[in-house]
Amino acid sequence: MKNRLKVLRAERDWSQADLAERLSVSRQTINAIETEKYDPSLPLALKMGRLFDQCVEKIFLDTEQ
C-alpha cells in the first residue's frame, strides 16, 4: 500500500528510529512500511494518524481503486 510516511517523517526531521520509538515499534517495521513491504495493522495506522494529526486516508493511499 502506498503511503506518505517517509515524507511526513522527513518534514519533522525524524529518523526511522525516532518514529519507531514514538510508535513503540522497531526501526525495521518503519522501514518495511515506508518501502511498501508491510502494511501496518489498523491500531498502528490509527496511532500514526494521531501522531501526525492526519486521518489515515491522508497517510495511506488506496491503490486498488
PDB file of N, CA and C in Angstrom:
ATOM      1  N   MET A   1       0.847  -1.177   0.000  1.00  0.00           N
ATOM      2  CA  MET A   1       0.000   0.000   0.000  1.00  0.00           C
ATOM      3  C   MET A   1       0.893   1.242   0.000  1.00  0.00           C
ATOM      4  N   LYS A   2       0.623   2.139  -0.922  1.00  0.00           N
ATOM      5  CA  LYS A   2       1.398   3.375  -0.982  1.00  0.00           C
ATOM      6  C   LYS A   2       1.135   4.196   0.281  1.00  0.00           C
ATOM      7  N   ASN A   3       2.159   4.944   0.699  1.00  0.00           N
ATOM      8  CA  ASN A   3       1.993   5.769   1.886  1.00  0.00           C
ATOM      9  C   ASN A   3       2.902   6.985   1.825  1.00  0.00           C
ATOM     10  N   ARG A   4       2.606   7.950   2.679  1.00  0.00           N
ATOM     11  CA  ARG A   4       3.357   9.201   2.768  1.00  0.00           C
ATOM     12  C   ARG A   4       4.210   9.250   4.029  1.00  0.00           C
ATOM     13  N   LEU A   5       4.463   8.111   4.630  1.00  0.00           N
ATOM     14  CA  LEU A   5       5.141   8.075   5.922  1.00  0.00           C
ATOM     15  C   LEU A   5       6.525   8.713   5.867  1.00  0.00           C
ATOM     16  N   LYS A   6       7.301   8.384   4.855  1.00  0.00           N
ATOM     17  CA  LYS A   6       8.660   8.926   4.751  1.00  0.00           C
ATOM     18  C   LYS A   6       8.634  10.456   4.638  1.00  0.00           C
ATOM     19  N   VAL A   7       7.699  10.986   3.863  1.00  0.00           N
ATOM     20  CA  VAL A   7       7.572  12.437   3.700  1.00  0.00           C
ATOM     21  C   VAL A   7       7.188  13.091   5.020  1.00  0.00           C
ATOM     22  N   LEU A   8       6.204  12.529   5.695  1.00  0.00           N
ATOM     23  CA  LEU A   8       5.758  13.091   6.975  1.00  0.00           C
ATOM     24  C   LEU A   8       6.875  13.052   8.013  1.00  0.00           C
ATOM     25  N   ARG A   9       7.617  11.970   8.004  1.00  0.00           N
ATOM     26  CA  ARG A   9       8.741  11.827   8.944  1.00  0.00           C
ATOM     27  C   ARG A   9       9.820  12.858   8.626  1.00  0.00           C
ATOM     28  N   ALA A  10      10.143  13.028   7.351  1.00  0.00           N
ATOM     29  CA  ALA A  10      11.179  13.979   6.939  1.00  0.00           C
ATOM     30  C   ALA A  10      10.788  15.420   7.272  1.00  0.00           C
ATOM     31  N   GLU A  11       9.500  15.740   7.138  1.00  0.00           N
ATOM     32  CA  GLU A  11       9.033  17.096   7.466  1.00  0.00           C
ATOM     33  C   GLU A  11       9.311  17.452   8.923  1.00  0.00           C
ATOM     34  N   ARG A  12       9.376  16.436   9.760  1.00  0.00           N
ATOM     35  CA  ARG A  12       9.632  16.657  11.188  1.00  0.00           C
ATOM     36  C   ARG A  12      11.093  16.414  11.562  1.00  0.00           C
ATOM     37  N   ASP A  13      11.887  16.077  10.554  1.00  0.00           N
ATOM     38  CA  ASP A  13      13.312  15.797  10.744  1.00  0.00           C
ATOM     39  C   ASP A  13      13.535  14.646  11.734  1.00  0.00           C
ATOM     40  N   TRP A  14      12.679  13.613  11.618  1.00  0.00           N
ATOM     41  CA  TRP A  14      12.803  12.425  12.455  1.00  0.00           C
ATOM     42  C   TRP A  14      13.485  11.317  11.664  1.00  0.00           C
ATOM     43  N   SER A  15      14.322  10.560  12.329  1.00  0.00           N
ATOM     44  CA  SER A  15      14.890   9.359  11.713  1.00  0.00           C
ATOM     45  C   SER A  15      13.856   8.238  11.814  1.00  0.00           C
ATOM     46  N   GLN A  16      14.134   7.144  11.131  1.00  0.00           N
ATOM     47  CA  GLN A  16      13.252   5.984  11.272  1.00  0.00           C
ATOM     48  C   GLN A  16      13.230   5.527  12.723  1.00  0.00           C
ATOM     49  N   ALA A  17      14.375   5.590  13.376  1.00  0.00           N
ATOM     50  CA  ALA A  17      14.454   5.174  14.792  1.00  0.00           C
ATOM     51  C   ALA A  17      13.614   6.096  15.681  1.00  0.00           C
ATOM     52  N   ASP A  18      13.634   7.400  15.392  1.00  0.00           N
ATOM     53  CA  ASP A  18      12.823   8.352  16.162  1.00  0.00           C
ATOM     54  C   ASP A  18      11.340   8.008  16.050  1.00  0.00           C
ATOM     55  N   LEU A  19      10.897   7.786  14.828  1.00  0.00           N
ATOM     56  CA  LEU A  19       9.492   7.465  14.598  1.00  0.00           C
ATOM     57  C   LEU A  19       9.138   6.132  15.238  1.00  0.00           C
ATOM     58  N   ALA A  20      10.011   5.153  15.096  1.00  0.00           N
ATOM     59  CA  ALA A  20       9.769   3.838  15.693  1.00  0.00           C
ATOM     60  C   ALA A  20       9.577   3.955  17.200  1.00  0.00           C
ATOM     61  N   GLU A  21      10.413   4.750  17.834  1.00  0.00           N
ATOM     62  CA  GLU A  21      10.302   4.930  19.284  1.00  0.00           C
ATOM     63  C   GLU A  21       8.969   5.575  19.665  1.00  0.00           C
ATOM     64  N   ARG A  22       8.561   6.569  18.916  1.00  0.00           N
ATOM     65  CA  ARG A  22       7.283   7.246  19.191  1.00  0.00           C
ATOM     66  C   ARG A  22       6.087   6.312  19.016  1.00  0.00           C
ATOM     67  N   LEU A  23       6.238   5.328  18.120  1.00  0.00           N
ATOM     68  CA  LEU A  23       5.137   4.402  17.844  1.00  0.00           C
ATOM     69  C   LEU A  23       5.278   3.059  18.575  1.00  0.00           C
ATOM     70  N   SER A  24       6.367   2.900  19.309  1.00  0.00           N
ATOM     71  CA  SER A  24       6.638   1.650  20.050  1.00  0.00           C
ATOM     72  C   SER A  24       6.728   0.444  19.120  1.00  0.00           C
ATOM     73  N   VAL A  25       7.436   0.630  18.007  1.00  0.00           N
ATOM     74  CA  VAL A  25       7.713  -0.463  17.066  1.00  0.00           C
ATOM     75  C   VAL A  25       9.208  -0.430  16.750  1.00  0.00           C
ATOM     76  N   SER A  26       9.674  -1.396  15.990  1.00  0.00           N
ATOM     77  CA  SER A  26      11.090  -1.417  15.626  1.00  0.00           C
ATOM     78  C   SER A  26      11.357  -0.504  14.430  1.00  0.00           C
ATOM     79  N   ARG A  27      12.612  -0.112  14.278  1.00  0.00           N
ATOM     80  CA  ARG A  27      13.010   0.676  13.123  1.00  0.00           C
ATOM     81  C   ARG A  27      12.787  -0.127  11.846  1.00  0.00           C
ATOM     82  N   GLN A  28      12.975  -1.436  11.930  1.00  0.00           N
ATOM     83  CA  GLN A  28      12.760  -2.305  10.775  1.00  0.00           C
ATOM     84  C   GLN A  28      11.303  -2.267  10.320  1.00  0.00           C
ATOM     85  N   THR A  29      10.386  -2.157  11.269  1.00  0.00           N
ATOM     86  CA  THR A  29       8.965  -2.052  10.932  1.00  0.00           C
ATOM     87  C   THR A  29       8.701  -0.773  10.146  1.00  0.00           C
ATOM     88  N   ILE A  30       9.283   0.329  10.605  1.00  0.00           N
ATOM     89  CA  ILE A  30       9.112   1.607   9.895  1.00  0.00           C
ATOM     90  C   ILE A  30       9.686   1.495   8.485  1.00  0.00           C
ATOM     91  N   ASN A  31      10.859   0.913   8.362  1.00  0.00           N
ATOM     92  CA  ASN A  31      11.479   0.736   7.049  1.00  0.00           C
ATOM     93  C   ASN A  31      10.594  -0.105   6.132  1.00  0.00           C
ATOM     94  N   ALA A  32      10.053  -1.189   6.649  1.00  0.00           N
ATOM     95  CA  ALA A  32       9.204  -2.074   5.845  1.00  0.00           C
ATOM     96  C   ALA A  32       7.923  -1.367   5.398  1.00  0.00           C
ATOM     97  N   ILE A  33       7.351  -0.541   6.252  1.00  0.00           N
ATOM     98  CA  ILE A  33       6.146   0.212   5.871  1.00  0.00           C
ATOM     99  C   ILE A  33       6.497   1.243   4.806  1.00  0.00           C
ATOM    100  N   GLU A  34       7.591   1.985   5.009  1.00  0.00           N
ATOM    101  CA  GLU A  34       7.980   3.020   4.050  1.00  0.00           C
ATOM    102  C   GLU A  34       8.308   2.443   2.677  1.00  0.00           C
ATOM    103  N   THR A  35       8.866   1.255   2.645  1.00  0.00           N
ATOM    104  CA  THR A  35       9.227   0.633   1.362  1.00  0.00           C
ATOM    105  C   THR A  35       8.103  -0.239   0.812  1.00  0.00           C
ATOM    106  N   GLU A  36       6.944  -0.157   1.431  1.00  0.00           N
ATOM    107  CA  GLU A  36       5.721  -0.846   0.994  1.00  0.00           C
ATOM    108  C   GLU A  36       5.852  -2.366   0.985  1.00  0.00           C
ATOM    109  N   LYS A  37       6.680  -2.881   1.896  1.00  0.00           N
ATOM    110  CA  LYS A  37       6.828  -4.326   2.037  1.00  0.00           C
ATOM    111  C   LYS A  37       5.926  -4.876   3.141  1.00  0.00           C
ATOM    112  N   TYR A  38       5.324  -3.971   3.899  1.00  0.00           N
ATOM    113  CA  TYR A  38       4.496  -4.369   5.034  1.00  0.00           C
ATOM    114  C   TYR A  38       3.400  -3.330   5.212  1.00  0.00           C
ATOM    115  N   ASP A  39       2.182  -3.782   5.392  1.00  0.00           N
ATOM    116  CA  ASP A  39       1.060  -2.896   5.710  1.00  0.00           C
ATOM    117  C   ASP A  39       0.830  -2.948   7.208  1.00  0.00           C
ATOM    118  N   PRO A  40       0.752  -1.790   7.856  1.00  0.00           N
ATOM    119  CA  PRO A  40       0.571  -1.792   9.310  1.00  0.00           C
ATOM    120  C   PRO A  40      -0.816  -2.285   9.706  1.00  0.00           C
ATOM    121  N   SER A  41      -0.906  -2.734  10.940  1.00  0.00           N
ATOM    122  CA  SER A  41      -2.209  -3.102  11.493  1.00  0.00           C
ATOM    123  C   SER A  41      -3.054  -1.838  11.625  1.00  0.00           C
ATOM    124  N   LEU A  42      -4.343  -2.021  11.743  1.00  0.00           N
ATOM    125  CA  LEU A  42      -5.232  -0.870  11.916  1.00  0.00           C
ATOM    126  C   LEU A  42      -4.879  -0.069  13.169  1.00  0.00           C
ATOM    127  N   PRO A  43      -4.642  -0.717  14.323  1.00  0.00           N
ATOM    128  CA  PRO A  43      -4.261   0.081  15.504  1.00  0.00           C
ATOM    129  C   PRO A  43      -2.988   0.907  15.277  1.00  0.00           C
ATOM    130  N   LEU A  44      -2.002   0.341  14.580  1.00  0.00           N
ATOM    131  CA  LEU A  44      -0.768   1.088  14.313  1.00  0.00           C
ATOM    132  C   LEU A  44      -1.036   2.234  13.334  1.00  0.00           C
ATOM    133  N   ALA A  45      -1.832   1.997  12.316  1.00  0.00           N
ATOM    134  CA  ALA A  45      -2.173   3.056  11.360  1.00  0.00           C
ATOM    135  C   ALA A  45      -2.902   4.202  12.065  1.00  0.00           C
ATOM    136  N   LEU A  46      -3.815   3.871  12.953  1.00  0.00           N
ATOM    137  CA  LEU A  46      -4.530   4.907  13.704  1.00  0.00           C
ATOM    138  C   LEU A  46      -3.586   5.689  14.610  1.00  0.00           C
ATOM    139  N   LYS A  47      -2.638   4.990  15.215  1.00  0.00           N
ATOM    140  CA  LYS A  47      -1.640   5.644  16.077  1.00  0.00           C
ATOM    141  C   LYS A  47      -0.797   6.622  15.253  1.00  0.00           C
ATOM    142  N   MET A  48      -0.460   6.216  14.021  1.00  0.00           N
ATOM    143  CA  MET A  48       0.283   7.107  13.129  1.00  0.00           C
ATOM    144  C   MET A  48      -0.549   8.343  12.800  1.00  0.00           C
ATOM    145  N   GLY A  49      -1.812   8.131  12.537  1.00  0.00           N
ATOM    146  CA  GLY A  49      -2.698   9.253  12.254  1.00  0.00           C
ATOM    147  C   GLY A  49      -2.732  10.257  13.392  1.00  0.00           C
ATOM    148  N   ARG A  50      -2.832   9.751  14.612  1.00  0.00           N
ATOM    149  CA  ARG A  50      -2.837  10.641  15.777  1.00  0.00           C
ATOM    150  C   ARG A  50      -1.498  11.362  15.913  1.00  0.00           C
ATOM    151  N   LEU A  51      -0.405  10.642  15.712  1.00  0.00           N
ATOM    152  CA  LEU A  51       0.925  11.233  15.855  1.00  0.00           C
ATOM    153  C   LEU A  51       1.138  12.359  14.848  1.00  0.00           C
ATOM    154  N   PHE A  52       0.713  12.148  13.608  1.00  0.00           N
ATOM    155  CA  PHE A  52       0.902  13.154  12.565  1.00  0.00           C
ATOM    156  C   PHE A  52      -0.284  14.105  12.437  1.00  0.00           C
ATOM    157  N   ASP A  53      -1.300  13.922  13.265  1.00  0.00           N
ATOM    158  CA  ASP A  53      -2.507  14.754  13.249  1.00  0.00           C
ATOM    159  C   ASP A  53      -3.135  14.772  11.851  1.00  0.00           C
ATOM    160  N   GLN A  54      -3.246  13.562  11.278  1.00  0.00           N
ATOM    161  CA  GLN A  54      -3.855  13.406   9.963  1.00  0.00           C
ATOM    162  C   GLN A  54      -4.723  12.154   9.973  1.00  0.00           C
ATOM    163  N   CYS A  55      -5.751  12.160   9.139  1.00  0.00           N
ATOM    164  CA  CYS A  55      -6.557  10.949   9.038  1.00  0.00           C
ATOM    165  C   CYS A  55      -5.744   9.886   8.296  1.00  0.00           C
ATOM    166  N   VAL A  56      -6.056   8.646   8.562  1.00  0.00           N
ATOM    167  CA  VAL A  56      -5.319   7.524   7.985  1.00  0.00           C
ATOM    168  C   VAL A  56      -5.310   7.595   6.455  1.00  0.00           C
ATOM    169  N   GLU A  57      -6.417   8.039   5.873  1.00  0.00           N
ATOM    170  CA  GLU A  57      -6.517   8.127   4.416  1.00  0.00           C
ATOM    171  C   GLU A  57      -5.532   9.121   3.810  1.00  0.00           C
ATOM    172  N   LYS A  58      -5.064  10.079   4.599  1.00  0.00           N
ATOM    173  CA  LYS A  58      -4.083  11.050   4.108  1.00  0.00           C
ATOM    174  C   LYS A  58      -2.661  10.503   4.198  1.00  0.00           C
ATOM    175  N   ILE A  59      -2.465   9.450   4.988  1.00  0.00           N
ATOM    176  CA  ILE A  59      -1.147   8.829   5.137  1.00  0.00           C
ATOM    177  C   ILE A  59      -1.011   7.637   4.203  1.00  0.00           C
ATOM    178  N   PHE A  60      -2.067   6.841   4.138  1.00  0.00           N
ATOM    179  CA  PHE A  60      -2.054   5.616   3.321  1.00  0.00           C
ATOM    180  C   PHE A  60      -2.995   5.777   2.139  1.00  0.00           C
ATOM    181  N   LEU A  61      -2.505   5.492   0.944  1.00  0.00           N
ATOM    182  CA  LEU A  61      -3.278   5.702  -0.272  1.00  0.00           C
ATOM    183  C   LEU A  61      -3.736   4.366  -0.830  1.00  0.00           C
ATOM    184  N   ASP A  62      -5.013   4.239  -1.049  1.00  0.00           N
ATOM    185  CA  ASP A  62      -5.582   3.004  -1.600  1.00  0.00           C
ATOM    186  C   ASP A  62      -5.308   2.952  -3.089  1.00  0.00           C
ATOM    187  N   THR A  63      -4.515   1.995  -3.509  1.00  0.00           N
ATOM    188  CA  THR A  63      -4.129   1.893  -4.922  1.00  0.00           C
ATOM    189  C   THR A  63      -5.004   0.886  -5.677  1.00  0.00           C
ATOM    190  N   GLU A  64      -5.997   0.311  -5.029  1.00  0.00           N
ATOM    191  CA  GLU A  64      -6.841  -0.702  -5.661  1.00  0.00           C
ATOM    192  C   GLU A  64      -8.128  -0.124  -6.237  1.00  0.00           C
ATOM    193  N   GLN A  65      -8.229   1.153  -6.358  1.00  0.00           N
ATOM    194  CA  GLN A  65      -9.438   1.774  -6.903  1.00  0.00           C
ATOM    195  C   GLN A  65      -9.310   1.991  -8.369  1.00  0.00           C
TER     196      GLN A  65
END
